[in-house]
Amino acid sequence: MSAEFIPWAFLDAYRGKEFKGQWPTLPEMYRIIVSLHGQRSCFTVYEPDRISLSYNEALKLIEAAARWLHGRGIRRGDKVAVMGKNSPEWTVAYLSILFAGATVVPIDYQIKNDESDLLIRTSGAKILFVDEEKYEYYQNLGVLKTLVSLKRGIGTYIYDLDGSPAEIEEAGENDLAAILFTSGTMGKPKGVMLTHQNLVSDCYLAQGTPFPVYHTDVFYALLPLHHAYTMLAVFIEAISTGAEVVFGKKMVTPVILKELKLGKITMLLGVPMLFNKLLAGILRGIRAKGPVVYGVICALMGLSGFIKKVIGVNPGKKIFHAVLEQASLSTLRVCICGGGPLAPSVFRKYNQLGIDFVQGYGLTETSPIINLNPITHYKETSVGKVVPQADMKILNPDERGIGEVIVKGPMVMKGYYEMPEETAESFTADGYLKTGDLGYLDEENYLYLTGRAKNLIVTEGGKNVYPEEIENEFQLFDEIDQILVRGFVQDKKMKIEGIEALVYPNFEVFKNPSGAAADKEAIKARIEEIIAEVNPRLLSYQKIERVVILDEPMEMTTTKKIKRDAV
């Protein structure tokens, strides 16, 4: 990789002055970026009122909050939790904890109180930053040394904004920056330990795919910030370059579209469900113009995609400007999909419309990004190329080259918090992290995922079936809101396993013109038609043999993935 394509090369000028070692800590990185882009907008929110902090303004609040934490006994290595909706206050709290030399413990705001209580106790957090609506609950619970309301605390009267510097012992690059809990189960929760080096290296190495991020970019933080994907790929990625973060608080399409337009968003990161919904809305609008216009636009989309693939230039932005403007997507430069597999057809259509659209892959344990598609040389069926300095292999590949994905590199976690046995089980003898995901690599080091090892279905003929590959085929059917493919026992004596699909229909689509609900038999018939349409596209041993229509939606995580274990 030549020097002009190394996004982290500029750090060489600061090494030995602003930081020591290979990578700066997050506070050191933030101070460097403030010195370069201090006047630019850093954190912005539009609901209920527009509030925007520049990098300089945010730094002043962060340092004041860090002094406040130090004054309450927080020292290097102590744990401090933060739990709340996406907001400038959340990020100021997060960074202030790191500036105080402590370790941040981000907690999922949407889990039940008893689950969050368990995570806070497990982490040993001494202080909790929390949104105002949960403040009273934790005040009455009395399990914490100190409680801070994000609304009443950050950037308001409890901090001495012009106070004298505190004698803070700062963290080093190999110190813990964050403990991220992978679930809110009531068993012993797994806390992923990520160092400053893990997070800082990952945010820059991901840009070296190559995947340029500019200080003029505007990121949209819609998914919860406590999650590794949004925390790194939106929040930390933005502040590593001097870009702006706009915080979204509601996963409601009209609100999202409004904020995309107001914020002039250039970088939209989301999960498959979000991109499927946005694309469905665009295609509905095009179809409404009539079959002739729809046919012409589809032909132009095909031509646009062909040109981009062949010569690397994306003409769709100009050709479809009016379409994108109507959909509030005209300012988008890049869309990145993570958190689950996306149908290649969806990937393709966004690129055809003129939006550079790529997929990525990673786990909380890898900070999380370990694969990302380059904007130009992308592969629609791949989750991306292995990022620089990550060493990825396939463990025990089968005849198709499919095996468990294992990885080593500076972004790989230190281990699970106070769980040495589980940590040891997660690594191979030669130090590679076992991801639990199945896939294969091509000759250019692009990864193709086939599913989770624990979700694997083994048929009567000994064939391996990966449910996620089948589920992908249904992403563009408006009639299906959720689908989960799994094995079912066809013959207990012979231990023969078949394949079934649990389907929760999109009941809005089935309403008749008067708004009345459609007949259940009609819904079932249409779902079975869709299954019959998809089955011929599948391999013989992948075909769905049984369909179960659900009356209630399946439980989902806060990043909109179905909780398979809860079904």
Protein backbone atom coordinates (compact mmCIF):
# COMPACT_ATOMS: atom_id res chain seq x y z
CA MET A 1 0.00 0.00 0.00
CA SER A 2 1.57 3.33 -1.06
CA ALA A 3 1.89 6.22 1.40
CA GLU A 4 -0.99 8.25 -0.06
CA PHE A 5 -3.40 5.39 0.70
CA ILE A 6 -2.39 4.91 4.34
CA PRO A 7 -5.05 6.79 6.37
CA TRP A 8 -3.02 6.56 9.59
CA ALA A 9 0.25 7.85 8.08
CA PHE A 10 -0.41 11.38 9.41
CA LEU A 11 -0.01 10.04 12.97
CA ASP A 12 3.76 9.70 12.38
CA ALA A 13 4.11 13.47 12.82
CA TYR A 14 2.65 13.19 16.35
CA ARG A 15 4.38 10.00 17.52
CA GLY A 16 6.83 10.74 20.31
CA LYS A 17 5.22 14.14 20.89
CA GLU A 18 1.50 13.65 21.45
CA PHE A 19 1.69 9.91 22.05
CA LYS A 20 4.16 7.07 22.52
CA GLY A 21 4.03 3.63 20.97
CA GLN A 22 2.37 2.40 17.80
CA TRP A 23 -1.13 3.83 18.26
CA PRO A 24 -2.48 6.77 20.28
CA THR A 25 -5.09 6.19 22.97
CA LEU A 26 -8.58 7.49 22.24
CA PRO A 27 -8.01 10.71 24.27
CA GLU A 28 -4.68 11.28 22.50
CA MET A 29 -6.34 10.69 19.11
CA TYR A 30 -9.16 13.09 19.96
CA ARG A 31 -6.76 15.86 21.03
CA ILE A 32 -4.78 15.46 17.79
CA ILE A 33 -7.97 15.78 15.72
CA VAL A 34 -9.10 18.82 17.75
CA SER A 35 -5.78 20.51 16.92
CA LEU A 36 -6.56 19.97 13.22
CA HIS A 37 -10.34 20.52 13.08
CA GLY A 38 -11.33 22.24 16.34
CA GLN A 39 -13.86 24.62 14.78
CA ARG A 40 -15.77 21.92 12.89
CA SER A 41 -19.05 20.47 14.15
CA CYS A 42 -18.50 17.30 16.14
CA PHE A 43 -21.75 16.13 17.79
CA THR A 44 -25.22 17.21 16.57
CA VAL A 45 -28.79 16.25 17.44
CA TYR A 46 -32.08 17.51 15.91
CA GLU A 47 -34.64 16.06 18.33
CA PRO A 48 -36.31 17.77 20.14
CA ASP A 49 -34.19 20.86 19.31
CA ARG A 50 -31.04 21.23 17.28
CA ILE A 51 -27.91 21.15 19.45
CA SER A 52 -24.44 21.05 17.97
CA LEU A 53 -21.02 20.99 19.63
CA SER A 54 -17.81 21.83 17.82
CA TYR A 55 -14.71 19.73 18.50
CA ASN A 56 -13.34 22.55 20.67
CA GLU A 57 -16.59 22.86 22.65
CA ALA A 58 -16.88 19.10 23.13
CA LEU A 59 -13.26 18.89 24.35
CA LYS A 60 -13.93 21.54 27.00
CA LEU A 61 -16.92 19.58 28.31
CA ILE A 62 -15.07 16.26 28.15
CA GLU A 63 -12.09 17.57 30.12
CA ALA A 64 -14.38 19.19 32.70
CA ALA A 65 -16.31 15.93 33.15
CA ALA A 66 -13.01 14.03 33.44
CA ARG A 67 -11.89 16.40 36.23
CA TRP A 68 -15.26 15.87 37.94
CA LEU A 69 -14.78 12.08 37.77
CA HIS A 70 -11.25 12.40 39.15
CA GLY A 71 -12.57 14.56 41.98
CA ARG A 72 -14.92 11.72 42.91
CA GLY A 73 -12.12 9.20 43.20
CA ILE A 74 -12.07 7.69 39.72
CA ARG A 75 -8.56 6.55 38.83
CA ARG A 76 -6.77 4.74 36.01
CA GLY A 77 -8.39 1.38 35.37
CA ASP A 78 -11.60 2.04 37.34
CA LYS A 79 -14.88 1.14 35.64
CA VAL A 80 -17.58 3.72 34.85
CA ALA A 81 -20.83 2.80 33.09
CA VAL A 82 -22.86 4.84 30.61
CA MET A 83 -26.43 3.99 29.61
CA GLY A 84 -28.77 6.12 27.55
CA LYS A 85 -30.21 7.01 24.18
CA ASN A 86 -27.92 8.27 21.42
CA SER A 87 -27.02 11.89 22.18
CA PRO A 88 -24.11 14.35 22.42
CA GLU A 89 -24.30 13.83 26.20
CA TRP A 90 -23.67 10.09 25.77
CA THR A 91 -20.51 10.63 23.74
CA VAL A 92 -19.23 13.37 26.06
CA ALA A 93 -19.74 11.00 29.02
CA TYR A 94 -18.02 8.15 27.15
CA LEU A 95 -14.97 10.22 26.26
CA SER A 96 -14.76 11.87 29.69
CA ILE A 97 -14.43 8.44 31.30
CA LEU A 98 -11.48 7.67 29.02
CA PHE A 99 -9.95 11.11 29.61
CA ALA A 100 -10.09 10.31 33.35
CA GLY A 101 -7.93 7.23 32.66
CA ALA A 102 -10.84 4.89 33.41
CA THR A 103 -12.58 2.11 31.47
CA VAL A 104 -16.01 2.76 29.99
CA VAL A 105 -18.80 0.17 30.28
CA PRO A 106 -21.54 0.96 27.72
CA ILE A 107 -24.87 -0.62 28.69
CA ASP A 108 -27.80 -1.37 26.36
CA TYR A 109 -30.49 1.16 27.32
CA GLN A 110 -33.32 -1.04 26.03
CA ILE A 111 -32.75 -4.14 28.14
CA LYS A 112 -34.73 -4.78 31.32
CA ASN A 113 -33.63 -3.14 34.57
CA ASP A 114 -32.68 -6.41 36.25
CA GLU A 115 -30.46 -7.27 33.25
CA SER A 116 -28.72 -3.89 33.27
CA ASP A 117 -28.31 -4.17 37.07
CA LEU A 118 -26.48 -7.47 36.55
CA LEU A 119 -24.15 -5.97 33.94
CA ILE A 120 -23.33 -2.99 36.15
CA ARG A 121 -22.58 -5.26 39.13
CA THR A 122 -20.54 -7.67 37.01
CA SER A 123 -18.38 -4.84 35.65
CA GLY A 124 -17.76 -3.34 39.09
CA ALA A 125 -18.69 0.14 37.82
CA LYS A 126 -18.36 2.84 40.49
CA ILE A 127 -20.34 5.55 38.69
CA LEU A 128 -23.21 5.40 36.18
CA PHE A 129 -24.14 8.04 33.63
CA VAL A 130 -27.82 7.45 32.80
CA ASP A 131 -30.69 9.15 30.96
CA GLU A 132 -33.05 11.17 33.13
CA GLU A 133 -35.99 8.79 32.84
CA LYS A 134 -34.02 5.98 34.56
CA TYR A 135 -32.24 8.25 37.03
CA GLU A 136 -34.77 7.81 39.85
CA TYR A 137 -34.75 4.01 39.53
CA TYR A 138 -30.99 3.80 40.04
CA GLN A 139 -31.04 6.47 42.74
CA ASN A 140 -33.49 4.37 44.75
CA LEU A 141 -31.61 1.14 44.04
CA GLY A 142 -28.50 2.49 45.73
CA VAL A 143 -26.03 0.04 44.17
CA LEU A 144 -23.67 2.71 42.83
CA LYS A 145 -21.23 5.06 44.44
CA THR A 146 -22.41 8.01 42.31
CA LEU A 147 -25.13 8.55 39.73
CA VAL A 148 -25.12 11.19 37.00
CA SER A 149 -28.07 12.17 34.81
CA LEU A 150 -26.93 12.62 31.22
CA LYS A 151 -29.43 15.46 30.76
CA ARG A 152 -28.79 17.24 34.06
CA GLY A 153 -25.13 16.40 34.36
CA ILE A 154 -23.16 16.68 31.15
CA GLY A 155 -22.24 20.19 30.14
CA THR A 156 -24.37 21.94 32.75
CA TYR A 157 -23.95 23.31 36.23
CA ILE A 158 -22.27 20.42 38.08
CA TYR A 159 -18.94 20.86 36.31
CA ASP A 160 -16.37 23.59 36.76
CA LEU A 161 -15.69 24.23 33.07
CA ASP A 162 -12.71 26.46 33.82
CA GLY A 163 -11.28 24.51 36.74
CA SER A 164 -7.61 23.86 37.25
CA PRO A 165 -6.11 20.69 35.69
CA ALA A 166 -6.40 17.52 37.76
CA GLU A 167 -3.46 15.18 38.30
CA ILE A 168 -4.95 12.45 36.12
CA GLU A 169 -2.91 9.34 35.40
CA GLU A 170 -3.75 8.68 31.76
CA ALA A 171 -4.27 5.22 30.29
CA GLY A 172 -1.78 3.63 27.88
CA GLU A 173 -2.56 2.09 24.50
CA ASN A 174 -2.66 -1.44 25.96
CA ASP A 175 -4.95 -0.47 28.84
CA LEU A 176 -8.64 -1.35 28.74
CA ALA A 177 -10.72 1.31 27.00
CA ALA A 178 -14.09 -0.47 27.15
CA ILE A 179 -15.89 -3.57 28.36
CA LEU A 180 -18.74 -4.44 26.00
CA PHE A 181 -21.28 -7.02 27.10
CA THR A 182 -22.39 -9.22 24.23
CA SER A 183 -25.85 -9.91 25.66
CA GLY A 184 -28.13 -9.11 28.56
CA THR A 185 -28.87 -12.68 29.53
CA MET A 186 -29.40 -13.56 33.16
CA GLY A 187 -26.61 -16.14 33.10
CA LYS A 188 -23.05 -14.99 33.61
CA PRO A 189 -22.69 -12.21 31.00
CA LYS A 190 -19.63 -12.08 28.74
CA GLY A 191 -17.79 -8.77 28.87
CA VAL A 192 -15.52 -8.25 25.87
CA MET A 193 -12.36 -6.39 26.92
CA LEU A 194 -11.18 -3.94 24.26
CA THR A 195 -8.02 -1.87 24.65
CA HIS A 196 -7.29 1.59 23.27
CA GLN A 197 -5.05 -0.08 20.70
CA ASN A 198 -7.89 -2.42 19.65
CA LEU A 199 -10.29 0.45 18.94
CA VAL A 200 -7.90 3.03 17.50
CA SER A 201 -6.09 0.55 15.23
CA ASP A 202 -9.38 -0.86 13.95
CA CYS A 203 -10.86 2.52 13.06
CA TYR A 204 -7.82 3.47 10.95
CA LEU A 205 -7.12 0.02 9.48
CA ALA A 206 -10.73 -0.20 8.26
CA GLN A 207 -10.08 2.97 6.23
CA GLY A 208 -7.10 1.24 4.63
CA THR A 209 -9.25 -1.23 2.70
CA PRO A 210 -9.12 1.38 0.90
CA PHE A 211 -12.16 3.11 2.28
CA PRO A 212 -11.59 6.88 2.54
CA VAL A 213 -13.27 8.87 5.31
CA TYR A 214 -12.97 12.67 5.17
CA HIS A 215 -13.24 15.41 7.80
CA THR A 216 -16.08 16.83 5.70
CA ASP A 217 -18.18 13.67 6.13
CA VAL A 218 -21.33 13.58 8.25
CA PHE A 219 -22.11 10.25 9.95
CA TYR A 220 -25.61 9.26 11.10
CA ALA A 221 -25.67 7.42 14.45
CA LEU A 222 -29.01 5.65 14.28
CA LEU A 223 -28.29 2.26 15.83
CA PRO A 224 -27.55 2.21 19.58
CA LEU A 225 -24.10 3.57 20.45
CA HIS A 226 -23.48 0.93 23.11
CA HIS A 227 -23.15 -1.64 20.31
CA ALA A 228 -19.63 -2.22 18.94
CA TYR A 229 -20.74 -1.60 15.33
CA THR A 230 -22.07 1.94 15.87
CA MET A 231 -19.55 2.77 18.58
CA LEU A 232 -16.59 2.09 16.30
CA ALA A 233 -17.84 2.47 12.73
CA VAL A 234 -19.78 5.69 13.37
CA PHE A 235 -18.66 7.42 16.59
CA ILE A 236 -14.94 6.54 16.77
CA GLU A 237 -14.52 6.46 12.98
CA ALA A 238 -15.89 10.01 12.75
CA ILE A 239 -13.73 11.48 15.51
CA SER A 240 -10.63 9.81 14.04
CA THR A 241 -10.87 12.17 11.05
CA GLY A 242 -12.71 15.28 12.30
CA ALA A 243 -16.07 14.32 10.77
CA GLU A 244 -19.47 15.19 12.29
CA VAL A 245 -21.83 12.76 14.04
CA VAL A 246 -25.59 13.35 13.85
CA PHE A 247 -27.51 11.35 16.45
CA GLY A 248 -30.75 9.63 15.50
CA LYS A 249 -33.03 8.57 18.34
CA LYS A 250 -35.93 6.82 16.60
CA MET A 251 -35.98 3.92 14.15
CA VAL A 252 -39.00 5.50 12.43
CA THR A 253 -38.74 6.01 8.66
CA PRO A 254 -40.24 9.56 8.43
CA VAL A 255 -37.94 10.77 11.26
CA ILE A 256 -34.92 9.09 9.66
CA LEU A 257 -35.62 10.70 6.28
CA LYS A 258 -36.09 14.11 7.89
CA GLU A 259 -32.76 13.86 9.74
CA LEU A 260 -30.92 12.57 6.67
CA LYS A 261 -31.99 15.72 4.83
CA LEU A 262 -31.45 18.19 7.71
CA GLY A 263 -28.05 16.78 8.58
CA LYS A 264 -26.91 16.45 4.94
CA ILE A 265 -25.73 12.98 5.89
CA THR A 266 -22.93 11.52 3.76
CA MET A 267 -22.23 8.27 5.68
CA LEU A 268 -25.15 6.02 6.57
CA LEU A 269 -24.39 2.84 8.49
CA GLY A 270 -27.19 0.42 9.22
CA VAL A 271 -28.44 -3.14 9.37
CA PRO A 272 -30.18 -5.07 6.57
CA MET A 273 -33.68 -4.24 7.85
CA LEU A 274 -33.06 -0.48 7.51
CA PHE A 275 -31.65 -0.69 4.00
CA ASN A 276 -34.38 -3.09 2.87
CA LYS A 277 -37.06 -0.64 4.07
CA LEU A 278 -35.44 2.40 2.44
CA LEU A 279 -34.98 0.56 -0.86
CA ALA A 280 -38.55 -0.76 -0.79
CA GLY A 281 -39.78 2.83 -0.39
CA ILE A 282 -37.70 4.03 -3.37
CA LEU A 283 -38.90 1.19 -5.60
CA ARG A 284 -42.55 1.79 -4.60
CA GLY A 285 -42.18 5.42 -5.62
CA ILE A 286 -40.73 4.42 -8.99
CA ARG A 287 -43.46 1.82 -9.64
CA ALA A 288 -46.10 4.45 -8.88
CA LYS A 289 -44.98 6.37 -11.98
CA GLY A 290 -46.32 3.59 -14.19
CA PRO A 291 -44.91 0.52 -15.97
CA VAL A 292 -43.21 2.46 -18.79
CA VAL A 293 -41.29 4.81 -16.49
CA TYR A 294 -40.49 1.91 -14.16
CA GLY A 295 -39.10 -0.11 -17.07
CA VAL A 296 -36.95 2.78 -18.32
CA ILE A 297 -35.55 3.49 -14.84
CA CYS A 298 -34.75 -0.21 -14.27
CA ALA A 299 -32.90 -0.29 -17.61
CA LEU A 300 -30.94 2.85 -16.67
CA MET A 301 -30.11 1.31 -13.28
CA GLY A 302 -28.70 -1.75 -15.04
CA LEU A 303 -26.59 0.46 -17.32
CA SER A 304 -25.37 2.57 -14.38
CA GLY A 305 -24.32 -0.53 -12.44
CA PHE A 306 -22.52 -1.94 -15.49
CA ILE A 307 -20.54 1.28 -15.97
CA LYS A 308 -19.49 1.35 -12.32
CA LYS A 309 -18.42 -2.28 -12.38
CA VAL A 310 -16.42 -1.93 -15.61
CA ILE A 311 -14.73 1.49 -15.30
CA GLY A 312 -15.14 2.32 -11.61
CA VAL A 313 -17.15 5.52 -12.22
CA ASN A 314 -20.62 5.76 -10.65
CA PRO A 315 -22.94 7.76 -12.95
CA GLY A 316 -26.08 6.90 -10.99
CA LYS A 317 -25.80 9.91 -8.67
CA LYS A 318 -26.47 12.28 -11.59
CA ILE A 319 -28.89 10.05 -13.50
CA PHE A 320 -31.11 9.40 -10.46
CA HIS A 321 -30.61 12.68 -8.58
CA ALA A 322 -34.34 13.47 -8.62
CA VAL A 323 -35.22 9.99 -7.31
CA LEU A 324 -32.64 10.23 -4.52
CA GLU A 325 -33.68 13.80 -3.65
CA GLN A 326 -37.31 12.71 -3.27
CA ALA A 327 -36.17 9.88 -0.99
CA SER A 328 -33.97 12.27 1.11
CA LEU A 329 -30.89 10.28 0.09
CA SER A 330 -29.24 12.70 -2.36
CA THR A 331 -26.43 13.76 0.02
CA LEU A 332 -25.34 10.19 0.80
CA ARG A 333 -21.83 9.34 -0.32
CA VAL A 334 -21.53 5.87 1.21
CA CYS A 335 -23.82 3.31 2.83
CA ILE A 336 -22.33 0.49 4.89
CA CYS A 337 -24.34 -2.55 5.94
CA GLY A 338 -23.27 -4.66 8.90
CA GLY A 339 -24.78 -6.62 11.74
CA GLY A 340 -26.11 -9.38 9.48
CA PRO A 341 -26.16 -10.69 5.91
CA LEU A 342 -27.67 -8.56 3.14
CA ALA A 343 -29.12 -9.89 -0.11
CA PRO A 344 -26.72 -9.22 -3.04
CA SER A 345 -29.66 -7.82 -5.03
CA VAL A 346 -30.11 -5.04 -2.45
CA PHE A 347 -26.38 -4.30 -2.49
CA ARG A 348 -26.52 -4.10 -6.30
CA LYS A 349 -29.53 -1.78 -6.52
CA TYR A 350 -28.06 0.88 -4.20
CA ASN A 351 -24.88 0.97 -6.29
CA GLN A 352 -26.96 1.20 -9.46
CA LEU A 353 -28.80 4.21 -8.01
CA GLY A 354 -25.51 6.04 -7.52
CA ILE A 355 -24.82 5.42 -3.83
CA ASP A 356 -21.53 3.68 -3.06
CA PHE A 357 -22.82 0.77 -1.01
CA VAL A 358 -20.65 -1.81 0.72
CA GLN A 359 -20.86 -4.55 3.30
CA GLY A 360 -18.61 -5.21 6.25
CA TYR A 361 -18.16 -7.91 8.84
CA GLY A 362 -16.85 -8.27 12.34
CA LEU A 363 -17.67 -9.17 15.94
CA THR A 364 -17.65 -7.32 19.22
CA GLU A 365 -14.53 -9.39 19.97
CA THR A 366 -12.73 -7.82 16.97
CA SER A 367 -13.54 -4.18 17.79
CA PRO A 368 -15.52 -5.02 15.44
CA ILE A 369 -14.36 -4.51 11.81
CA ILE A 370 -12.22 -7.23 10.21
CA ASN A 371 -13.66 -7.21 6.68
CA LEU A 372 -14.86 -4.35 4.50
CA ASN A 373 -15.59 -4.04 0.80
CA PRO A 374 -13.59 -1.37 -1.02
CA ILE A 375 -15.86 1.25 -2.62
CA THR A 376 -14.63 0.48 -6.13
CA HIS A 377 -13.46 -3.14 -6.23
CA TYR A 378 -16.41 -4.51 -4.25
CA LYS A 379 -17.97 -7.97 -4.49
CA GLU A 380 -21.71 -8.13 -3.95
CA THR A 381 -21.79 -11.64 -2.48
CA SER A 382 -18.84 -11.00 -0.13
CA VAL A 383 -18.77 -9.28 3.26
CA GLY A 384 -15.49 -7.71 2.21
CA LYS A 385 -11.75 -7.87 2.01
CA VAL A 386 -9.70 -8.63 5.12
CA VAL A 387 -8.53 -5.29 6.58
CA PRO A 388 -4.78 -4.54 6.75
CA GLN A 389 -2.82 -6.18 9.61
CA ALA A 390 -5.58 -8.76 10.20
CA ASP A 391 -4.50 -12.38 9.61
CA MET A 392 -7.58 -14.44 8.69
CA LYS A 393 -7.75 -18.18 8.07
CA ILE A 394 -10.39 -20.89 7.60
CA LEU A 395 -10.25 -23.66 10.19
CA ASN A 396 -10.86 -27.23 8.99
CA PRO A 397 -12.38 -26.33 5.57
CA ASP A 398 -14.77 -28.82 3.91
CA GLU A 399 -14.96 -29.74 0.23
CA ARG A 400 -16.43 -26.28 -0.59
CA GLY A 401 -13.62 -24.57 1.34
CA ILE A 402 -16.05 -23.68 4.12
CA GLY A 403 -14.91 -23.80 7.71
CA GLU A 404 -14.81 -21.67 10.83
CA VAL A 405 -13.38 -18.19 10.34
CA ILE A 406 -10.43 -17.48 12.67
CA VAL A 407 -8.49 -14.22 12.94
CA LYS A 408 -5.48 -12.60 14.62
CA GLY A 409 -4.52 -8.90 14.67
CA PRO A 410 -4.29 -5.66 16.69
CA MET A 411 -8.08 -5.32 16.75
CA VAL A 412 -8.69 -8.68 18.48
CA MET A 413 -9.90 -8.43 22.09
CA LYS A 414 -7.81 -8.94 25.18
CA GLY A 415 -10.34 -11.52 26.39
CA TYR A 416 -13.58 -11.84 28.38
CA TYR A 417 -13.72 -9.89 31.64
CA GLU A 418 -12.91 -12.14 34.61
CA MET A 419 -13.60 -15.27 32.50
CA PRO A 420 -10.20 -16.90 31.86
CA GLU A 421 -11.64 -20.30 30.87
CA GLU A 422 -14.05 -18.84 28.31
CA THR A 423 -11.23 -16.66 26.98
CA ALA A 424 -8.95 -19.67 26.50
CA GLU A 425 -11.72 -21.61 24.72
CA SER A 426 -12.21 -18.73 22.26
CA PHE A 427 -8.68 -18.93 20.88
CA THR A 428 -6.77 -21.60 19.00
CA ALA A 429 -3.49 -22.93 20.39
CA ASP A 430 -1.56 -20.53 18.11
CA GLY A 431 -3.55 -17.45 19.21
CA TYR A 432 -6.28 -17.04 16.57
CA LEU A 433 -9.73 -15.92 17.72
CA LYS A 434 -12.44 -18.44 16.80
CA THR A 435 -15.33 -16.34 15.46
CA GLY A 436 -18.00 -19.05 15.44
CA ASP A 437 -18.90 -17.99 11.88
CA LEU A 438 -18.59 -20.25 8.87
CA GLY A 439 -17.31 -19.09 5.50
CA TYR A 440 -14.54 -19.21 2.91
CA LEU A 441 -11.91 -16.87 1.44
CA ASP A 442 -11.26 -16.29 -2.26
CA GLU A 443 -7.91 -15.73 -3.95
CA GLU A 444 -8.08 -11.96 -3.26
CA ASN A 445 -8.72 -12.44 0.47
CA TYR A 446 -12.43 -11.55 0.31
CA LEU A 447 -14.61 -13.38 2.84
CA TYR A 448 -17.89 -15.11 1.99
CA LEU A 449 -20.03 -16.06 4.99
CA THR A 450 -22.37 -19.02 4.97
CA GLY A 451 -23.73 -18.90 8.53
CA ARG A 452 -23.12 -19.39 12.22
CA ALA A 453 -21.62 -22.71 13.28
CA LYS A 454 -24.29 -23.16 15.97
CA ASN A 455 -27.11 -22.62 13.42
CA LEU A 456 -25.84 -25.30 11.03
CA ILE A 457 -28.42 -27.85 9.85
CA VAL A 458 -27.18 -31.31 8.80
CA THR A 459 -29.55 -33.10 6.40
CA GLU A 460 -30.25 -36.82 6.08
CA GLY A 461 -27.70 -37.03 3.26
CA GLY A 462 -25.04 -35.43 5.44
CA LYS A 463 -25.19 -32.08 3.65
CA ASN A 464 -24.50 -28.88 5.57
CA VAL A 465 -27.25 -26.27 5.27
CA TYR A 466 -26.64 -22.70 6.40
CA PRO A 467 -29.96 -21.01 7.34
CA GLU A 468 -28.69 -17.50 6.65
CA GLU A 469 -28.04 -18.36 2.97
CA ILE A 470 -31.71 -19.32 2.59
CA GLU A 471 -33.06 -16.35 4.59
CA ASN A 472 -31.17 -13.97 2.28
CA GLU A 473 -33.37 -15.04 -0.63
CA PHE A 474 -36.43 -13.46 0.99
CA GLN A 475 -35.14 -9.97 1.80
CA LEU A 476 -36.91 -8.17 -1.07
CA PHE A 477 -40.39 -9.65 -0.55
CA ASP A 478 -42.52 -6.88 1.02
CA GLU A 479 -45.02 -9.47 2.23
CA ILE A 480 -42.49 -10.95 4.69
CA ASP A 481 -41.55 -8.91 7.74
CA GLN A 482 -39.43 -11.61 9.44
CA ILE A 483 -38.21 -15.04 8.42
CA LEU A 484 -36.17 -17.58 10.36
CA VAL A 485 -35.00 -20.85 8.81
CA ARG A 486 -34.15 -23.78 11.09
CA GLY A 487 -34.09 -27.54 11.24
CA PHE A 488 -36.96 -29.64 12.52
CA VAL A 489 -37.08 -33.33 13.37
CA GLN A 490 -38.83 -35.27 10.62
CA ASP A 491 -38.17 -38.73 12.05
CA LYS A 492 -37.14 -39.12 15.71
CA LYS A 493 -36.09 -42.77 15.35
CA MET A 494 -33.96 -42.15 12.27
CA LYS A 495 -32.89 -38.68 13.56
CA ILE A 496 -33.70 -37.15 10.19
CA GLU A 497 -33.75 -33.34 10.13
CA GLY A 498 -35.82 -31.29 7.69
CA ILE A 499 -35.90 -27.56 6.97
CA GLU A 500 -38.69 -25.23 8.05
CA ALA A 501 -39.30 -21.50 7.81
CA LEU A 502 -40.97 -19.44 10.53
CA VAL A 503 -42.58 -16.43 8.85
CA TYR A 504 -44.09 -13.34 10.42
CA PRO A 505 -45.99 -11.61 7.58
CA ASN A 506 -46.02 -7.87 6.94
CA PHE A 507 -49.71 -7.48 7.75
CA GLU A 508 -49.78 -3.87 6.48
CA VAL A 509 -49.09 -5.11 2.94
CA PHE A 510 -52.02 -7.52 3.12
CA LYS A 511 -54.64 -4.96 4.13
CA ASN A 512 -57.34 -4.38 1.53
CA PRO A 513 -58.01 -0.85 0.15
CA SER A 514 -60.55 -0.13 2.91
CA GLY A 515 -57.85 -0.80 5.54
CA ALA A 516 -59.39 -4.04 6.76
CA ALA A 517 -57.09 -6.96 7.54
CA ALA A 518 -56.71 -9.66 4.91
CA ASP A 519 -58.04 -13.17 5.41
CA LYS A 520 -55.52 -15.44 7.18
CA GLU A 521 -55.89 -18.13 4.53
CA ALA A 522 -55.09 -15.58 1.82
CA ILE A 523 -51.95 -14.53 3.71
CA LYS A 524 -50.89 -18.14 4.15
CA ALA A 525 -51.48 -18.86 0.47
CA ARG A 526 -49.35 -15.90 -0.62
CA ILE A 527 -46.49 -16.83 1.74
CA GLU A 528 -46.56 -20.39 0.39
CA GLU A 529 -46.45 -18.96 -3.16
CA ILE A 530 -43.31 -17.03 -2.24
CA ILE A 531 -41.72 -20.16 -0.76
CA ALA A 532 -42.59 -22.04 -3.95
CA GLU A 533 -40.99 -19.24 -6.00
CA VAL A 534 -37.74 -19.28 -4.00
CA ASN A 535 -37.31 -23.06 -3.55
CA PRO A 536 -36.28 -23.72 -7.20
CA ARG A 537 -33.44 -21.20 -6.77
CA LEU A 538 -32.03 -23.22 -3.85
CA LEU A 539 -29.89 -26.34 -3.95
CA SER A 540 -31.88 -29.56 -3.66
CA TYR A 541 -30.89 -30.12 -0.01
CA GLN A 542 -31.67 -26.48 0.95
CA LYS A 543 -35.35 -26.47 0.00
CA ILE A 544 -37.90 -25.44 2.62
CA GLU A 545 -40.23 -28.32 3.43
CA ARG A 546 -42.50 -26.75 6.05
CA VAL A 547 -43.82 -23.24 6.67
CA VAL A 548 -45.13 -21.89 9.98
CA ILE A 549 -47.03 -18.58 9.85
CA LEU A 550 -46.64 -16.58 13.06
CA ASP A 551 -49.24 -14.26 14.59
CA GLU A 552 -46.68 -12.35 16.66
CA PRO A 553 -43.24 -11.03 15.65
CA MET A 554 -40.13 -12.84 16.83
CA GLU A 555 -38.07 -11.15 19.53
CA MET A 556 -35.22 -9.03 18.17
CA THR A 557 -32.01 -7.54 19.52
CA THR A 558 -31.52 -3.77 19.63
CA THR A 559 -29.60 -4.08 16.35
CA LYS A 560 -32.65 -5.70 14.74
CA LYS A 561 -31.48 -9.31 14.54
CA ILE A 562 -33.88 -12.11 15.45
CA LYS A 563 -33.01 -13.78 18.75
CA ARG A 564 -32.81 -17.33 17.41
CA ASP A 565 -32.42 -18.84 20.86
CA ALA A 566 -35.70 -17.23 21.99
CA VAL A 567 -37.79 -18.82 19.21
